C-alpha atoms as a PDB file:
ATOM      1  CA  MET A   1      -5.431 -13.295   3.777  1.00  0.00           C
ATOM      2  CA  SER A   2      -2.124 -12.049   5.436  1.00  0.00           C
ATOM      3  CA  HIS A   3       1.045 -12.268   3.276  1.00  0.00           C
ATOM      4  CA  GLY A   4       3.216 -11.933   6.292  1.00  0.00           C
ATOM      5  CA  PHE A   5       5.076  -8.838   5.166  1.00  0.00           C
ATOM      6  CA  ALA A   6       7.702  -7.514   7.489  1.00  0.00           C
ATOM      7  CA  ASP A   7       7.412  -4.018   8.878  1.00  0.00           C
ATOM      8  CA  PHE A   8      10.774  -2.346   8.014  1.00  0.00           C
ATOM      9  CA  SER A   9       9.680   0.791   9.906  1.00  0.00           C
ATOM     10  CA  ASN A  10       9.996  -1.144  13.238  1.00  0.00           C
ATOM     11  CA  PRO A  11      13.548  -1.542  14.527  1.00  0.00           C
ATOM     12  CA  VAL A  12      12.806  -4.871  16.012  1.00  0.00           C
ATOM     13  CA  PHE A  13      11.554  -7.354  13.490  1.00  0.00           C
ATOM     14  CA  VAL A  14       8.971  -9.754  14.759  1.00  0.00           C
ATOM     15  CA  GLY A  15       7.778 -12.935  13.225  1.00  0.00           C
ATOM     16  CA  LEU A  16       4.317 -13.109  12.036  1.00  0.00           C
ATOM     17  CA  LYS A  17       2.272 -16.166  12.255  1.00  0.00           C
ATOM     18  CA  ASN A  18      -1.246 -17.324  11.395  1.00  0.00           C
ATOM     19  CA  CYS A  19      -2.951 -20.706  10.726  1.00  0.00           C
ATOM     20  CA  ARG A  20      -1.126 -21.164   7.241  1.00  0.00           C
ATOM     21  CA  GLU A  21       2.251 -19.674   7.464  1.00  0.00           C
ATOM     22  CA  TYR A  22       5.175 -18.595   9.702  1.00  0.00           C
ATOM     23  CA  VAL A  23       7.445 -15.775   8.664  1.00  0.00           C
ATOM     24  CA  SER A  24      10.537 -14.605  10.381  1.00  0.00           C
ATOM     25  CA  VAL A  25      13.074 -11.952   9.468  1.00  0.00           C
ATOM     26  CA  LYS A  26      16.722 -12.247  10.336  1.00  0.00           C
ATOM     27  CA  THR A  27      19.314  -9.499  11.015  1.00  0.00           C
ATOM     28  CA  ILE A  28      20.515  -6.705   8.760  1.00  0.00           C
ATOM     29  CA  THR A  29      24.267  -6.572   8.994  1.00  0.00           C
ATOM     30  CA  GLU A  30      24.481  -3.136   7.213  1.00  0.00           C
ATOM     31  CA  PRO A  31      21.581  -0.526   6.660  1.00  0.00           C
ATOM     32  CA  TYR A  32      19.629  -2.146   3.957  1.00  0.00           C
ATOM     33  CA  SER A  33      22.637  -3.521   2.253  1.00  0.00           C
ATOM     34  CA  ALA A  34      21.706  -7.255   3.035  1.00  0.00           C
ATOM     35  CA  ILE A  35      18.145  -7.856   3.969  1.00  0.00           C
ATOM     36  CA  GLN A  36      17.615 -11.568   4.628  1.00  0.00           C
ATOM     37  CA  ILE A  37      13.992 -12.568   4.767  1.00  0.00           C
ATOM     38  CA  THR A  38      13.151 -16.154   5.667  1.00  0.00           C
ATOM     39  CA  THR A  39       9.761 -17.610   4.962  1.00  0.00           C
ATOM     40  CA  PHE A  40       8.438 -20.988   5.937  1.00  0.00           C
ATOM     41  CA  ASN A  41       5.134 -21.838   4.026  1.00  0.00           C
ATOM     42  CA  ARG A  42       3.757 -25.127   4.918  1.00  0.00           C
ATOM     43  CA  ALA A  43       2.088 -25.630   1.569  1.00  0.00           C
ATOM     44  CA  GLN A  44       5.382 -24.954  -0.323  1.00  0.00           C
ATOM     45  CA  ASN A  45       8.236 -25.690   2.239  1.00  0.00           C
ATOM     46  CA  ILE A  46       9.481 -28.730   0.324  1.00  0.00           C
ATOM     47  CA  ASP A  47       9.955 -26.791  -2.879  1.00  0.00           C
ATOM     48  CA  ILE A  48      11.489 -23.925  -0.950  1.00  0.00           C
ATOM     49  CA  PHE A  49      14.239 -26.071   0.714  1.00  0.00           C
ATOM     50  CA  LYS A  50      15.270 -27.665  -2.661  1.00  0.00           C
ATOM     51  CA  ARG A  51      16.192 -24.273  -4.022  1.00  0.00           C
ATOM     52  CA  ASP A  52      19.293 -22.279  -3.486  1.00  0.00           C
ATOM     53  CA  HIS A  53      18.958 -19.087  -1.427  1.00  0.00           C
ATOM     54  CA  MET A  54      18.216 -16.040  -3.548  1.00  0.00           C
ATOM     55  CA  GLN A  55      19.924 -12.643  -3.763  1.00  0.00           C
ATOM     56  CA  LEU A  56      18.302  -9.568  -5.409  1.00  0.00           C
ATOM     57  CA  TYR A  57      20.847  -6.690  -6.439  1.00  0.00           C
ATOM     58  CA  VAL A  58      19.179  -3.288  -6.527  1.00  0.00           C
ATOM     59  CA  ASP A  59      20.396   0.342  -6.781  1.00  0.00           C
ATOM     60  CA  SER A  60      21.620   1.892  -3.529  1.00  0.00           C
ATOM     61  CA  ASN A  61      19.099   4.903  -3.862  1.00  0.00           C
ATOM     62  CA  PHE A  62      16.204   2.442  -4.053  1.00  0.00           C
ATOM     63  CA  ALA A  63      15.008   4.597  -6.990  1.00  0.00           C
ATOM     64  CA  SER A  64      14.937   1.984  -9.804  1.00  0.00           C
ATOM     65  CA  PRO A  65      11.350   1.322 -10.777  1.00  0.00           C
ATOM     66  CA  TYR A  66      12.488  -2.116 -12.237  1.00  0.00           C
ATOM     67  CA  ALA A  67      14.299  -3.052  -8.953  1.00  0.00           C
ATOM     68  CA  MET A  68      11.127  -2.170  -7.068  1.00  0.00           C
ATOM     69  CA  SER A  69       9.052  -4.287  -9.422  1.00  0.00           C
ATOM     70  CA  ALA A  70      11.269  -7.285  -8.726  1.00  0.00           C
ATOM     71  CA  PHE A  71      11.302  -6.628  -4.962  1.00  0.00           C
ATOM     72  CA  VAL A  72       7.524  -6.481  -4.990  1.00  0.00           C
ATOM     73  CA  CYS A  73       7.385  -9.906  -6.801  1.00  0.00           C
ATOM     74  CA  LEU A  74       9.709 -11.597  -4.198  1.00  0.00           C
ATOM     75  CA  ARG A  75       7.918 -10.269  -1.199  1.00  0.00           C
ATOM     76  CA  THR A  76       4.499 -10.936  -2.622  1.00  0.00           C
ATOM     77  CA  LYS A  77       5.591 -14.575  -3.109  1.00  0.00           C
ATOM     78  CA  GLU A  78       7.167 -14.670   0.327  1.00  0.00           C
ATOM     79  CA  ILE A  79      10.442 -15.989  -1.155  1.00  0.00           C
ATOM     80  CA  ASP A  80      13.553 -16.124   1.082  1.00  0.00           C
ATOM     81  CA  PHE A  81      16.124 -13.667  -0.294  1.00  0.00           C
ATOM     82  CA  ASP A  82      19.023 -11.277   0.555  1.00  0.00           C
ATOM     83  CA  LEU A  83      18.765  -7.759  -0.819  1.00  0.00           C
ATOM     84  CA  LYS A  84      22.078  -6.335  -1.976  1.00  0.00           C
ATOM     85  CA  VAL A  85      22.776  -2.840  -3.102  1.00  0.00           C
ATOM     86  CA  ILE A  86      24.898  -1.681  -6.172  1.00  0.00           C
ATOM     87  CA  ASP A  87      26.127   2.079  -6.261  1.00  0.00           C
ATOM     88  CA  LEU A  88      25.369   2.900  -9.824  1.00  0.00           C
ATOM     89  CA  GLY A  89      26.967   6.502  -9.178  1.00  0.00           C
ATOM     90  CA  SER A  90      30.402   4.942  -8.540  1.00  0.00           C
ATOM     91  CA  HIS A  91      29.794   2.317 -11.444  1.00  0.00           C
ATOM     92  CA  GLN A  92      29.753  -0.665  -9.244  1.00  0.00           C
ATOM     93  CA  ASN A  93      27.435  -2.171 -11.931  1.00  0.00           C
ATOM     94  CA  LEU A  94      30.482  -2.154 -14.301  1.00  0.00           C
ATOM     95  CA  SER A  95      32.682  -4.326 -12.112  1.00  0.00           C
ATOM     96  CA  ALA A  96      33.789  -7.636 -13.649  1.00  0.00           C
ATOM     97  CA  ASP A  97      32.037  -9.504 -10.890  1.00  0.00           C
ATOM     98  CA  TYR A  98      28.715  -7.871 -11.400  1.00  0.00           C
ATOM     99  CA  VAL A  99      28.938  -7.927 -15.072  1.00  0.00           C
ATOM    100  CA  HIS A 100      29.500 -11.634 -14.894  1.00  0.00           C
ATOM    101  CA  ARG A 101      26.253 -11.963 -12.871  1.00  0.00           C
ATOM    102  CA  SER A 102      23.952  -9.590 -14.615  1.00  0.00           C
ATOM    103  CA  ILE A 103      25.292  -9.744 -18.269  1.00  0.00           C
ATOM    104  CA  THR A 104      23.502  -6.421 -19.014  1.00  0.00           C
ATOM    105  CA  SER A 105      25.281  -4.531 -16.081  1.00  0.00           C
ATOM    106  CA  ARG A 106      21.950  -3.300 -14.871  1.00  0.00           C
ATOM    107  CA  VAL A 107      19.650  -3.595 -11.884  1.00  0.00           C
ATOM    108  CA  PRO A 108      17.918  -5.613 -10.799  1.00  0.00           C
ATOM    109  CA  THR A 109      19.723  -8.929 -10.938  1.00  0.00           C
ATOM    110  CA  LEU A 110      18.463 -12.070  -9.339  1.00  0.00           C
ATOM    111  CA  VAL A 111      21.032 -14.649  -8.160  1.00  0.00           C
ATOM    112  CA  GLU A 112      20.136 -18.209  -7.223  1.00  0.00           C
ATOM    113  CA  GLY A 113      23.134 -20.388  -6.793  1.00  0.00           C
ATOM    114  CA  ASN A 114      24.980 -20.591 -10.094  1.00  0.00           C
ATOM    115  CA  PHE A 115      21.990 -19.076 -11.891  1.00  0.00           C
ATOM    116  CA  SER A 116      21.565 -15.357 -12.485  1.00  0.00           C
ATOM    117  CA  LEU A 117      18.961 -13.358 -14.303  1.00  0.00           C
ATOM    118  CA  SER A 118      18.532  -9.609 -14.931  1.00  0.00           C
ATOM    119  CA  GLU A 119      15.675  -7.535 -16.286  1.00  0.00           C
ATOM    120  CA  SER A 120      12.823  -7.073 -14.114  1.00  0.00           C
ATOM    121  CA  SER A 121      10.059  -8.627 -16.248  1.00  0.00           C
ATOM    122  CA  ALA A 122      12.167 -11.723 -16.961  1.00  0.00           C
ATOM    123  CA  ILE A 123      12.704 -12.010 -13.196  1.00  0.00           C
ATOM    124  CA  ALA A 124       8.910 -11.819 -12.597  1.00  0.00           C
ATOM    125  CA  GLU A 125       8.214 -14.485 -15.113  1.00  0.00           C
ATOM    126  CA  TYR A 126      10.941 -16.708 -13.736  1.00  0.00           C
ATOM    127  CA  LEU A 127       9.503 -16.373 -10.267  1.00  0.00           C
ATOM    128  CA  GLU A 128       5.992 -17.024 -11.347  1.00  0.00           C
ATOM    129  CA  GLU A 129       7.359 -20.374 -12.966  1.00  0.00           C
ATOM    130  CA  ILE A 130       9.061 -21.616  -9.915  1.00  0.00           C
ATOM    131  CA  HIS A 131       6.704 -20.175  -7.224  1.00  0.00           C
ATOM    132  CA  PRO A 132       3.169 -20.025  -8.894  1.00  0.00           C
ATOM    133  CA  THR A 133       1.401 -18.924  -5.691  1.00  0.00           C
ATOM    134  CA  PRO A 134       0.697 -16.455  -4.613  1.00  0.00           C
ATOM    135  CA  ASN A 135       0.670 -15.302  -8.242  1.00  0.00           C
ATOM    136  CA  VAL A 136       1.801 -11.988  -9.591  1.00  0.00           C
ATOM    137  CA  TYR A 137       0.355 -12.462 -13.040  1.00  0.00           C
ATOM    138  CA  PRO A 138      -3.481 -13.135 -13.920  1.00  0.00           C
ATOM    139  CA  SER A 139      -4.442 -16.717 -14.036  1.00  0.00           C
ATOM    140  CA  ASN A 140      -6.323 -16.203 -17.225  1.00  0.00           C
ATOM    141  CA  VAL A 141      -3.965 -16.760 -20.118  1.00  0.00           C
ATOM    142  CA  GLN A 142      -5.246 -13.773 -22.290  1.00  0.00           C
ATOM    143  CA  ASP A 143      -5.127 -11.408 -19.220  1.00  0.00           C
ATOM    144  CA  ARG A 144      -1.751 -12.720 -18.565  1.00  0.00           C
ATOM    145  CA  ALA A 145      -0.554 -11.784 -22.023  1.00  0.00           C
ATOM    146  CA  LYS A 146      -2.215  -8.425 -21.617  1.00  0.00           C
ATOM    147  CA  ALA A 147      -0.363  -7.808 -18.381  1.00  0.00           C
ATOM    148  CA  ARG A 148       2.996  -8.658 -20.127  1.00  0.00           C
ATOM    149  CA  GLN A 149       2.045  -6.300 -22.839  1.00  0.00           C
ATOM    150  CA  VAL A 150       1.601  -3.542 -20.436  1.00  0.00           C
ATOM    151  CA  GLN A 151       4.996  -4.150 -18.833  1.00  0.00           C
ATOM    152  CA  ALA A 152       6.753  -4.271 -22.138  1.00  0.00           C
ATOM    153  CA  TRP A 153       5.103  -1.079 -23.212  1.00  0.00           C
ATOM    154  CA  LEU A 154       6.040   0.774 -19.974  1.00  0.00           C
ATOM    155  CA  ARG A 155       9.696  -0.462 -20.372  1.00  0.00           C
ATOM    156  CA  SER A 156       9.954   0.507 -24.034  1.00  0.00           C
ATOM    157  CA  ASP A 157       8.029   3.731 -24.603  1.00  0.00           C
ATOM    158  CA  LEU A 158       7.504   7.088 -22.772  1.00  0.00           C
ATOM    159  CA  LEU A 159      11.158   7.899 -22.770  1.00  0.00           C
ATOM    160  CA  ALA A 160      10.666  11.741 -22.693  1.00  0.00           C
ATOM    161  CA  LEU A 161       8.333  11.345 -19.655  1.00  0.00           C
ATOM    162  CA  ARG A 162      10.869   8.995 -17.847  1.00  0.00           C
ATOM    163  CA  GLU A 163      13.584  11.701 -18.517  1.00  0.00           C
ATOM    164  CA  ASP A 164      11.381  14.688 -17.461  1.00  0.00           C
ATOM    165  CA  ARG A 165      10.026  12.892 -14.402  1.00  0.00           C
ATOM    166  CA  THR A 166      12.604  10.519 -13.048  1.00  0.00           C
ATOM    167  CA  THR A 167      11.666   8.392  -9.983  1.00  0.00           C
ATOM    168  CA  GLU A 168      13.472  11.132  -7.780  1.00  0.00           C
ATOM    169  CA  VAL A 169      10.133  12.878  -7.994  1.00  0.00           C
ATOM    170  CA  ILE A 170       8.639   9.929  -6.190  1.00  0.00           C
ATOM    171  CA  PHE A 171      11.243   8.907  -3.733  1.00  0.00           C
ATOM    172  CA  TYR A 172      13.087  12.128  -3.209  1.00  0.00           C
ATOM    173  CA  LYS A 173      11.433  15.459  -4.085  1.00  0.00           C
ATOM    174  CA  PRO A 174       9.361  16.916  -7.053  1.00  0.00           C
ATOM    175  CA  SER A 175      10.920  18.507  -9.917  1.00  0.00           C
ATOM    176  CA  LEU A 176      10.606  22.335 -10.457  1.00  0.00           C
ATOM    177  CA  ILE A 177      11.205  22.058 -14.166  1.00  0.00           C
ATOM    178  CA  ALA A 178       8.014  21.915 -16.493  1.00  0.00           C
ATOM    179  CA  LEU A 179       7.580  19.048 -18.903  1.00  0.00           C
ATOM    180  CA  THR A 180       9.307  19.405 -22.193  1.00  0.00           C
ATOM    181  CA  PRO A 181       6.937  19.207 -25.285  1.00  0.00           C
ATOM    182  CA  ALA A 182       8.100  15.608 -25.822  1.00  0.00           C
ATOM    183  CA  GLY A 183       7.410  14.888 -22.065  1.00  0.00           C
ATOM    184  CA  LYS A 184       3.950  16.392 -22.381  1.00  0.00           C
ATOM    185  CA  LEU A 185       3.107  14.179 -25.436  1.00  0.00           C
ATOM    186  CA  ALA A 186       4.439  11.158 -23.614  1.00  0.00           C
ATOM    187  CA  ALA A 187       2.270  12.030 -20.579  1.00  0.00           C
ATOM    188  CA  GLU A 188      -0.850  12.468 -22.849  1.00  0.00           C
ATOM    189  CA  LYS A 189      -0.069   8.962 -24.284  1.00  0.00           C
ATOM    190  CA  LEU A 190       0.292   7.529 -20.693  1.00  0.00           C
ATOM    191  CA  ILE A 191      -2.989   8.968 -19.719  1.00  0.00           C
ATOM    192  CA  GLN A 192      -4.723   7.839 -22.930  1.00  0.00           C
ATOM    193  CA  VAL A 193      -3.559   4.277 -22.522  1.00  0.00           C
ATOM    194  CA  ALA A 194      -4.372   4.322 -18.874  1.00  0.00           C
ATOM    195  CA  THR A 195      -7.819   5.579 -19.528  1.00  0.00           C
ATOM    196  CA  LEU A 196      -8.509   2.709 -22.072  1.00  0.00           C
ATOM    197  CA  LEU A 197      -7.338   0.205 -19.527  1.00  0.00           C
ATOM    198  CA  LEU A 198      -9.011   1.678 -16.481  1.00  0.00           C
ATOM    199  CA  GLY A 199     -11.680   4.007 -17.617  1.00  0.00           C
ATOM    200  CA  ASP A 200     -14.543   1.865 -16.314  1.00  0.00           C
ATOM    201  CA  GLY A 201     -13.299   2.603 -12.752  1.00  0.00           C
ATOM    202  CA  ARG A 202     -11.777  -0.733 -12.028  1.00  0.00           C
ATOM    203  CA  GLN A 203      -9.174  -0.839  -9.089  1.00  0.00           C
ATOM    204  CA  ASN A 204      -6.821  -3.336 -10.790  1.00  0.00           C
ATOM    205  CA  LEU A 205      -6.153  -3.932 -14.449  1.00  0.00           C
ATOM    206  CA  PHE A 206      -7.200  -7.616 -14.640  1.00  0.00           C
ATOM    207  CA  GLY A 207      -9.726  -8.132 -11.837  1.00  0.00           C
ATOM    208  CA  SER A 208      -7.214  -8.954  -9.147  1.00  0.00           C
ATOM    209  CA  TRP A 209      -3.847  -7.284  -8.549  1.00  0.00           C
ATOM    210  CA  SER A 210      -0.911  -8.208 -10.775  1.00  0.00           C
ATOM    211  CA  ILE A 211       2.685  -6.920 -11.031  1.00  0.00           C
ATOM    212  CA  ALA A 212       1.560  -5.043 -14.091  1.00  0.00           C
ATOM    213  CA  ASP A 213      -0.565  -2.809 -11.684  1.00  0.00           C
ATOM    214  CA  THR A 214       2.536  -1.922  -9.719  1.00  0.00           C
ATOM    215  CA  ASP A 215       4.452  -1.020 -12.848  1.00  0.00           C
ATOM    216  CA  LEU A 216       1.662   1.169 -14.292  1.00  0.00           C
ATOM    217  CA  ALA A 217       0.932   2.963 -10.919  1.00  0.00           C
ATOM    218  CA  LEU A 218       4.624   3.944 -10.648  1.00  0.00           C
ATOM    219  CA  MET A 219       4.607   5.489 -14.163  1.00  0.00           C
ATOM    220  CA  LEU A 220       1.428   7.416 -13.246  1.00  0.00           C
ATOM    221  CA  ASN A 221       3.086   8.565 -10.144  1.00  0.00           C
ATOM    222  CA  ARG A 222       5.844  10.136 -11.959  1.00  0.00           C
ATOM    223  CA  LEU A 223       3.156  12.734 -12.803  1.00  0.00           C
ATOM    224  CA  ILE A 224       0.986  12.599  -9.751  1.00  0.00           C
ATOM    225  CA  PHE A 225       3.857  13.103  -7.196  1.00  0.00           C
ATOM    226  CA  ASN A 226       4.973  16.120  -9.304  1.00  0.00           C
ATOM    227  CA  ASP A 227       1.402  17.641  -9.345  1.00  0.00           C
ATOM    228  CA  ASP A 228       1.351  17.396 -13.189  1.00  0.00           C
ATOM    229  CA  PRO A 229      -2.371  17.055 -14.448  1.00  0.00           C
ATOM    230  CA  VAL A 230      -3.779  13.509 -14.069  1.00  0.00           C
ATOM    231  CA  PRO A 231      -7.495  12.598 -14.114  1.00  0.00           C
ATOM    232  CA  GLU A 232      -8.926  11.796 -10.685  1.00  0.00           C
ATOM    233  CA  PHE A 233      -9.910   8.278 -11.342  1.00  0.00           C
ATOM    234  CA  LEU A 234      -6.305   7.507 -12.372  1.00  0.00           C
ATOM    235  CA  LYS A 235      -5.132   9.297  -9.251  1.00  0.00           C
ATOM    236  CA  LYS A 236      -7.342   7.080  -7.109  1.00  0.00           C
ATOM    237  CA  TYR A 237      -6.100   3.965  -8.927  1.00  0.00           C
ATOM    238  CA  ALA A 238      -2.486   4.786  -8.392  1.00  0.00           C
ATOM    239  CA  GLU A 239      -3.251   5.626  -4.605  1.00  0.00           C
ATOM    240  CA  ILE A 240      -4.839   2.236  -4.227  1.00  0.00           C
ATOM    241  CA  GLN A 241      -1.912   0.450  -5.759  1.00  0.00           C
ATOM    242  CA  TRP A 242       0.645   2.366  -3.662  1.00  0.00           C
ATOM    243  CA  ARG A 243      -1.067   0.905  -0.539  1.00  0.00           C
ATOM    244  CA  ASN A 244       0.491  -2.525  -1.446  1.00  0.00           C
ATOM    245  CA  GLN A 245       2.464  -3.704   1.619  1.00  0.00           C
ATOM    246  CA  ALA A 246       5.673  -4.531  -0.389  1.00  0.00           C
ATOM    247  CA  ILE A 247       5.526  -1.200  -2.162  1.00  0.00           C
ATOM    248  CA  ARG A 248       5.300   0.473   1.213  1.00  0.00           C
ATOM    249  CA  GLU A 249       8.315  -1.568   2.510  1.00  0.00           C
ATOM    250  CA  TRP A 250      10.300  -0.162  -0.650  1.00  0.00           C
ATOM    251  CA  VAL A 251       9.193   3.448  -0.170  1.00  0.00           C
ATOM    252  CA  LYS A 252      10.340   3.219   3.611  1.00  0.00           C
ATOM    253  CA  MET A 253      13.863   2.175   2.733  1.00  0.00           C
ATOM    254  CA  THR A 254      16.775   4.569   3.877  1.00  0.00           C
ATOM    255  CA  ARG A 255      18.010   6.376   0.986  1.00  0.00           C
ATOM    256  CA  PRO A 256      21.348   8.413   0.616  1.00  0.00           C
ATOM    257  CA  VAL A 257      21.016  12.118   0.135  1.00  0.00           C
ATOM    258  CA  VAL A 258      20.988  13.125  -3.491  1.00  0.00           C
ATOM    259  CA  ARG A 259      22.223  16.568  -4.174  1.00  0.00           C
END
């Protein structure tokens, strides 16, 4: 089934249509600073038009794994939203206006009318509540709990790996610096946990795709994109996940030069 994703690599955005849905993409006023995606889904259009237009605030480098996760949720659910960028390098996230919106001063932050929400996993769960389909979490309640466990673990552990292999190795260029001893231990733990979850060769964590797959694949790619040792079956898993159309859109974003 087509999810109607826009091709951001094409300078002329064209509406996509099939028997179930119509998708159109409106203009970009500045390079990727305000992307407005308008979706009309016949099965959900009544609910869509009752809600306020959404805005998603992300980092201007398009390097935050959490911003990417929220972006993938919105695009998967074909929700109408504007993409707004925040320059973390110049501390725009500490401005009074943004602090009022995000509370945590972090990206991503989702704004819907007078309501705002930060933290990517909270955003994913909120979107799942208000737009249940297409789903980004497993339908089985125990699998859904496990998916949230994976997300929570990826966000709270493996700090040394996240420091040694920032997402610049994925979205910019590899690091020439070897993993620290702590980073190696974190990498080993990541591979151990991923092996327990995926060792039977499955392509998704819980049967069909979930947003936890996107989060886990990104963490694995911190090693894979830097040519650090990773078992072949985990490389294959991450490669399959990286084919996701919403991830491909995020990867193609125009990024400023980082020196």
